[in-house]
């Protein structure tokens, strides 16, 4: 029987961890900017005007005891839909920013065992490039596919990438938006018997042209303006890239079982602030069923009473006109 292979890309990007701030590393190889004359760089921080070109170098280090070959390419960055993490496009996807503008001197490199290779690259910003931030990365991809066992096997390609933070000269506009706020309740069947909760979901969108480090505050008020919840959220992306949107959710443990109120989310970043809200009506299932049944019975009785009280009009006989 033929196997069905599903290809997954395992990608490691440089992080801000102090112990490895200079390189993205998956244990077998690492990718990082060539050191400047001043010091090692955690990422590529570049700036250029439209029409300008920049020359730089990337280093690929092999930590294994055998030679390794890689496909070297530039890629655009984006926020993942799941949690807003920093990710980059695959080599098969269309590149529109850094991925299209940066060109390594070699597209394929072989690094000897326990050795390293330094590859120059040129980043050419086109004349019509939009001002602001254009994040991306230089990726070293091992094109070999690790195949699993079984009828359906997962084929995994591994890659390591060094981030590129490019800013194109021109006006910068920081702007954030909070959209589509929703509140879904999780109520016990019987009021008071069991825990209640809710989930607040919303979309966080970067509507400007610079990378944002957002903070989001959640505030919930009940009937008569009582404060039910007020806290700063932790489950948000550390970097929200220009033009990106992320769908996020926040659990609300101990949400009221019976209340009527409002949930407000306020997102802030440097020089920008935006809020959005949604109303909610919390009602336990049993109470809702009882009220629904009572309403149905009430409507039925009302209709019947109307029918009973409506007088029946008897038709009147027509008077006959005598014939002469």
Protein backbone atom coordinates (compact mmCIF):
# COMPACT_ATOMS: atom_id res chain seq x y z
CA UNK A 1 0.00 0.00 0.00
CA UNK A 2 1.26 3.45 -0.91
CA UNK A 3 1.99 5.84 1.93
CA UNK A 4 0.38 9.25 2.19
CA UNK A 5 2.97 11.79 3.31
CA UNK A 6 2.09 15.02 5.05
CA UNK A 7 4.94 17.54 4.96
CA UNK A 8 5.54 19.67 8.04
CA UNK A 9 8.12 22.40 8.38
CA UNK A 10 9.83 22.58 11.74
CA UNK A 11 11.16 26.11 12.04
CA UNK A 12 13.36 27.62 14.70
CA UNK A 13 13.71 31.39 14.95
CA UNK A 14 16.10 33.49 16.98
CA UNK A 15 14.72 34.35 20.39
CA UNK A 16 15.62 36.93 22.96
CA UNK A 17 16.99 34.40 25.45
CA UNK A 18 20.19 35.80 26.95
CA UNK A 19 22.08 32.51 26.65
CA UNK A 20 21.57 32.34 22.87
CA UNK A 21 20.73 35.89 21.90
CA UNK A 22 23.14 35.72 18.97
CA UNK A 23 21.65 32.77 17.11
CA UNK A 24 18.61 30.76 16.15
CA UNK A 25 19.50 27.18 17.03
CA UNK A 26 17.77 23.79 16.82
CA UNK A 27 20.67 21.82 18.30
CA UNK A 28 22.06 20.69 14.94
CA UNK A 29 22.67 24.00 13.20
CA UNK A 30 22.28 27.70 13.86
CA UNK A 31 21.77 30.85 11.76
CA UNK A 32 22.72 34.35 12.88
CA UNK A 33 24.00 37.71 11.62
CA UNK A 34 27.72 38.08 11.11
CA UNK A 35 29.21 40.06 13.99
CA UNK A 36 29.71 43.76 13.38
CA UNK A 37 32.85 45.62 14.31
CA UNK A 38 31.20 46.59 17.59
CA UNK A 39 29.54 43.39 18.85
CA UNK A 40 27.45 40.35 18.01
CA UNK A 41 23.91 41.06 16.86
CA UNK A 42 20.84 39.11 18.02
CA UNK A 43 18.93 39.92 14.80
CA UNK A 44 19.37 41.92 11.61
CA UNK A 45 18.23 45.47 12.39
CA UNK A 46 18.31 47.28 9.05
CA UNK A 47 17.01 50.57 7.73
CA UNK A 48 16.89 51.88 4.16
CA UNK A 49 15.05 54.33 1.97
CA UNK A 50 13.08 53.27 -1.12
CA UNK A 51 15.50 52.54 -3.94
CA UNK A 52 18.43 51.85 -1.58
CA UNK A 53 20.40 48.57 -1.27
CA UNK A 54 22.07 47.09 1.82
CA UNK A 55 24.87 44.50 1.92
CA UNK A 56 25.24 42.22 4.93
CA UNK A 57 26.30 38.68 5.86
CA UNK A 58 24.64 35.67 7.48
CA UNK A 59 26.44 32.81 9.22
CA UNK A 60 25.30 29.16 9.15
CA UNK A 61 27.00 26.91 11.74
CA UNK A 62 26.97 23.09 11.68
CA UNK A 63 27.04 21.51 15.15
CA UNK A 64 26.98 17.89 13.99
CA UNK A 65 29.79 15.46 13.13
CA UNK A 66 28.85 15.24 9.43
CA UNK A 67 28.45 17.78 6.61
CA UNK A 68 25.03 19.37 6.20
CA UNK A 69 23.52 20.97 3.08
CA UNK A 70 20.89 23.71 3.17
CA UNK A 71 18.61 25.71 0.94
CA UNK A 72 19.19 29.35 1.86
CA UNK A 73 16.40 31.83 1.15
CA UNK A 74 14.78 35.02 2.43
CA UNK A 75 11.18 35.01 3.65
CA UNK A 76 8.46 37.40 4.81
CA UNK A 77 7.30 37.18 8.43
CA UNK A 78 3.75 37.01 9.78
CA UNK A 79 1.81 36.32 12.98
CA UNK A 80 0.38 32.83 13.34
CA UNK A 81 -3.40 32.64 13.63
CA UNK A 82 -3.23 30.27 16.59
CA UNK A 83 -1.34 32.39 19.11
CA UNK A 84 0.19 35.32 17.22
CA UNK A 85 3.69 33.85 17.24
CA UNK A 86 6.41 35.10 14.88
CA UNK A 87 6.57 32.86 11.79
CA UNK A 88 7.93 33.06 8.23
CA UNK A 89 6.68 32.01 4.81
CA UNK A 90 7.87 28.77 3.26
CA UNK A 91 10.09 28.72 0.18
CA UNK A 92 7.08 27.74 -1.95
CA UNK A 93 4.95 30.71 -0.88
CA UNK A 94 4.87 34.06 -2.65
CA UNK A 95 7.09 36.67 -1.00
CA UNK A 96 6.18 40.38 -1.16
CA UNK A 97 8.54 42.16 1.25
CA UNK A 98 11.92 41.14 2.65
CA UNK A 99 11.45 37.70 1.12
CA UNK A 100 11.38 39.25 -2.36
CA UNK A 101 13.98 41.96 -1.75
CA UNK A 102 16.81 40.00 -0.07
CA UNK A 103 19.03 37.75 -2.17
CA UNK A 104 21.79 35.54 -0.66
CA UNK A 105 24.92 35.16 -2.78
CA UNK A 106 24.32 31.38 -2.66
CA UNK A 107 20.94 29.66 -2.65
CA UNK A 108 22.46 26.35 -1.48
CA UNK A 109 25.36 25.85 0.91
CA UNK A 110 27.16 22.84 2.38
CA UNK A 111 28.61 23.34 5.85
CA UNK A 112 31.38 20.97 7.01
CA UNK A 113 31.14 19.05 10.27
CA UNK A 114 31.59 21.37 13.25
CA UNK A 115 32.20 24.21 10.81
CA UNK A 116 30.50 27.36 9.61
CA UNK A 117 29.91 29.23 6.38
CA UNK A 118 29.44 32.97 5.99
CA UNK A 119 27.19 33.99 3.08
CA UNK A 120 26.85 37.61 1.87
CA UNK A 121 23.42 38.87 0.86
CA UNK A 122 21.99 42.02 -0.67
CA UNK A 123 18.69 43.58 0.32
CA UNK A 124 17.38 45.94 -2.38
CA UNK A 125 14.38 48.06 -1.39
CA UNK A 126 12.30 48.94 -4.47
CA UNK A 127 11.44 52.54 -5.32
CA UNK A 128 7.75 52.10 -4.53
CA UNK A 129 8.20 50.35 -1.19
CA UNK A 130 5.80 51.47 1.51
CA UNK A 131 7.39 53.18 4.52
CA UNK A 132 7.42 51.46 7.88
CA UNK A 133 8.42 48.02 9.15
CA UNK A 134 8.93 45.01 6.91
CA UNK A 135 9.85 41.99 9.07
CA UNK A 136 11.30 38.81 7.61
CA UNK A 137 14.11 36.29 8.00
CA UNK A 138 16.96 34.44 6.33
CA UNK A 139 16.18 30.72 6.44
CA UNK A 140 18.52 27.72 6.26
CA UNK A 141 16.29 24.81 5.21
CA UNK A 142 17.33 21.15 5.33
CA UNK A 143 15.45 19.84 2.29
CA UNK A 144 15.68 16.21 3.41
CA UNK A 145 12.36 14.78 4.52
CA UNK A 146 12.22 12.63 7.66
CA UNK A 147 9.56 10.00 6.94
CA UNK A 148 7.65 8.22 9.65
CA UNK A 149 6.11 4.73 9.67
CA UNK A 150 2.56 3.63 8.96
CA UNK A 151 0.05 4.17 6.17
CA UNK A 152 -0.17 7.89 6.86
CA UNK A 153 3.26 9.26 7.69
CA UNK A 154 4.37 12.73 8.61
CA UNK A 155 7.25 14.05 6.56
CA UNK A 156 9.17 16.73 8.44
CA UNK A 157 11.57 19.28 7.03
CA UNK A 158 13.59 21.29 9.53
CA UNK A 159 14.65 24.90 9.15
CA UNK A 160 16.35 27.59 11.23
CA UNK A 161 15.93 31.31 10.54
CA UNK A 162 17.59 34.54 11.63
CA UNK A 163 15.10 37.40 11.92
CA UNK A 164 15.34 40.56 9.84
CA UNK A 165 13.74 43.76 11.12
CA UNK A 166 13.77 46.22 8.21
CA UNK A 167 12.41 49.75 8.44
CA UNK A 168 11.84 51.63 5.19
CA UNK A 169 12.19 55.39 5.49
CA UNK A 170 9.09 57.57 5.45
CA UNK A 171 6.11 58.40 7.70
CA UNK A 172 5.39 55.85 10.42
CA UNK A 173 1.82 55.30 11.61
CA UNK A 174 1.26 53.17 14.75
CA UNK A 175 -2.35 52.02 14.91
CA UNK A 176 -4.15 49.13 16.58
CA UNK A 177 -7.75 47.90 16.45
CA UNK A 178 -9.89 45.59 18.59
CA UNK A 179 -12.64 43.88 16.60
CA UNK A 180 -15.44 41.30 16.86
CA UNK A 181 -15.65 40.98 20.66
CA UNK A 182 -17.79 38.03 21.78
CA UNK A 183 -18.72 36.49 25.13
CA UNK A 184 -19.76 32.83 25.43
CA UNK A 185 -20.94 31.49 28.79
CA UNK A 186 -20.46 28.04 30.32
CA UNK A 187 -23.21 27.56 32.90
CA UNK A 188 -24.14 24.65 35.19
CA UNK A 189 -27.50 23.01 34.52
CA UNK A 190 -28.78 23.82 38.02
CA UNK A 191 -27.98 27.30 39.40
CA UNK A 192 -25.50 27.17 42.26
CA UNK A 193 -24.53 23.53 41.61
CA UNK A 194 -21.27 23.69 39.70
CA UNK A 195 -18.77 26.20 38.44
CA UNK A 196 -19.63 28.86 35.92
CA UNK A 197 -17.34 30.58 33.48
CA UNK A 198 -17.13 32.40 30.19
CA UNK A 199 -14.78 32.89 27.26
CA UNK A 200 -14.10 36.34 25.86
CA UNK A 201 -12.88 36.19 22.24
CA UNK A 202 -11.71 39.07 20.09
CA UNK A 203 -9.54 40.01 17.11
CA UNK A 204 -6.43 42.14 17.59
CA UNK A 205 -5.30 43.87 14.37
CA UNK A 206 -2.33 46.06 13.51
CA UNK A 207 -3.77 48.67 11.16
CA UNK A 208 -0.59 50.75 10.98
CA UNK A 209 2.81 50.28 9.34
CA UNK A 210 5.06 49.63 12.35
CA UNK A 211 5.50 46.60 14.59
CA UNK A 212 3.62 46.93 17.88
CA UNK A 213 4.22 45.49 21.35
CA UNK A 214 0.60 45.53 22.51
CA UNK A 215 -1.01 45.34 25.92
CA UNK A 216 -4.68 44.46 26.37
CA UNK A 217 -6.86 45.21 29.39
CA UNK A 218 -10.14 43.38 30.01
CA UNK A 219 -12.91 44.98 32.07
CA UNK A 220 -16.35 43.49 32.71
CA UNK A 221 -19.24 45.30 34.39
CA UNK A 222 -22.56 43.89 35.52
CA UNK A 223 -26.00 45.29 36.28
CA UNK A 224 -25.93 48.84 37.66
CA UNK A 225 -22.27 49.21 36.60
CA UNK A 226 -20.79 46.79 39.15
CA UNK A 227 -17.16 45.84 38.34
CA UNK A 228 -16.99 42.08 37.83
CA UNK A 229 -13.52 41.74 36.33
CA UNK A 230 -10.55 44.00 35.63
CA UNK A 231 -7.15 42.67 34.57
CA UNK A 232 -4.34 42.95 32.04
CA UNK A 233 -4.18 39.98 29.69
CA UNK A 234 -1.08 37.83 29.28
CA UNK A 235 -2.08 35.70 26.29
CA UNK A 236 -1.23 38.23 23.59
CA UNK A 237 1.54 38.27 20.96
CA UNK A 238 4.77 39.93 22.01
CA UNK A 239 5.01 41.46 18.53
CA UNK A 240 2.06 42.33 16.31
CA UNK A 241 3.42 42.84 12.81
CA UNK A 242 2.06 45.46 10.39
CA UNK A 243 -1.14 44.43 8.64
CA UNK A 244 -1.52 41.27 10.75
CA UNK A 245 -4.55 40.19 12.73
CA UNK A 246 -4.82 37.53 15.43
CA UNK A 247 -7.93 35.90 16.88
CA UNK A 248 -7.48 35.53 20.64
CA UNK A 249 -9.55 34.28 23.56
CA UNK A 250 -9.40 34.80 27.31
CA UNK A 251 -11.03 32.51 29.91
CA UNK A 252 -13.15 34.14 32.59
CA UNK A 253 -13.39 31.79 35.56
CA UNK A 254 -16.18 32.48 38.00
CA UNK A 255 -18.24 34.51 35.56
CA UNK A 256 -21.70 35.36 36.98
CA UNK A 257 -24.46 32.82 36.48
CA UNK A 258 -27.19 35.44 36.39
CA UNK A 259 -26.33 38.95 35.28
CA UNK A 260 -26.63 41.48 32.50
CA UNK A 261 -23.65 43.63 31.63
CA UNK A 262 -20.83 44.60 29.31
CA UNK A 263 -17.30 43.45 28.46
CA UNK A 264 -14.75 46.02 27.27
CA UNK A 265 -11.30 45.34 25.81
CA UNK A 266 -8.74 48.13 25.54
CA UNK A 267 -5.56 47.60 23.49
CA UNK A 268 -2.62 49.96 23.85
CA UNK A 269 0.80 50.25 22.25
CA UNK A 270 3.21 53.11 21.75
CA UNK A 271 1.24 56.16 20.50
CA UNK A 272 -1.97 54.19 19.88
CA UNK A 273 -5.00 53.08 21.91
CA UNK A 274 -8.29 51.49 20.87
CA UNK A 275 -11.28 49.88 22.65
CA UNK A 276 -14.22 47.68 21.73
CA UNK A 277 -17.01 46.14 23.80
CA UNK A 278 -19.85 43.64 23.73
CA UNK A 279 -22.89 43.12 25.94
CA UNK A 280 -23.74 39.83 27.64
CA UNK A 281 -26.72 38.26 29.37
CA UNK A 282 -25.89 35.37 31.71
CA UNK A 283 -28.73 32.95 32.43
CA UNK A 284 -28.49 29.37 33.79
CA UNK A 285 -29.85 26.65 31.48
CA UNK A 286 -32.50 25.42 33.92
CA UNK A 287 -33.78 28.94 34.52
CA UNK A 288 -33.85 29.57 30.77
CA UNK A 289 -35.84 26.36 30.17
CA UNK A 290 -38.30 27.16 32.97
CA UNK A 291 -38.80 30.70 31.75
CA UNK A 292 -39.21 29.48 28.19
CA UNK A 293 -41.80 26.90 29.24
CA UNK A 294 -43.65 29.46 31.36
CA UNK A 295 -43.71 31.89 28.44
CA UNK A 296 -45.05 29.18 26.11
CA UNK A 297 -47.81 28.26 28.58
CA UNK A 298 -48.69 31.92 29.07
CA UNK A 299 -49.02 32.51 25.33
CA UNK A 300 -51.19 29.41 24.94
CA UNK A 301 -53.54 30.44 27.76
CA UNK A 302 -53.78 33.98 26.41
CA UNK A 303 -54.73 32.77 22.94
CA UNK A 304 -57.38 30.45 24.37
CA UNK A 305 -58.86 33.17 26.55
CA UNK A 306 -59.09 35.49 23.57
CA UNK A 307 -60.94 32.86 21.60
CA UNK A 308 -63.40 32.26 24.50
CA UNK A 309 -64.20 35.95 24.99
CA UNK A 310 -64.68 36.78 21.34
CA UNK A 311 -68.50 37.07 20.77
CA UNK A 312 -70.06 35.11 17.96
CA UNK A 313 -72.04 37.32 15.61
CA UNK A 314 -75.26 35.61 14.33
CA UNK A 315 -76.27 36.47 10.82
CA UNK A 316 -79.51 38.57 10.65
CA UNK A 317 -82.35 37.39 8.36
CA UNK A 318 -83.02 39.60 5.39
CA UNK A 319 -86.32 41.48 5.33
CA UNK A 320 -88.53 40.52 2.40
CA UNK A 321 -90.01 43.24 0.31
CA UNK A 322 -93.73 42.54 -0.50
CA UNK A 323 -94.47 42.18 -4.15
CA UNK A 324 -97.43 44.29 -5.39
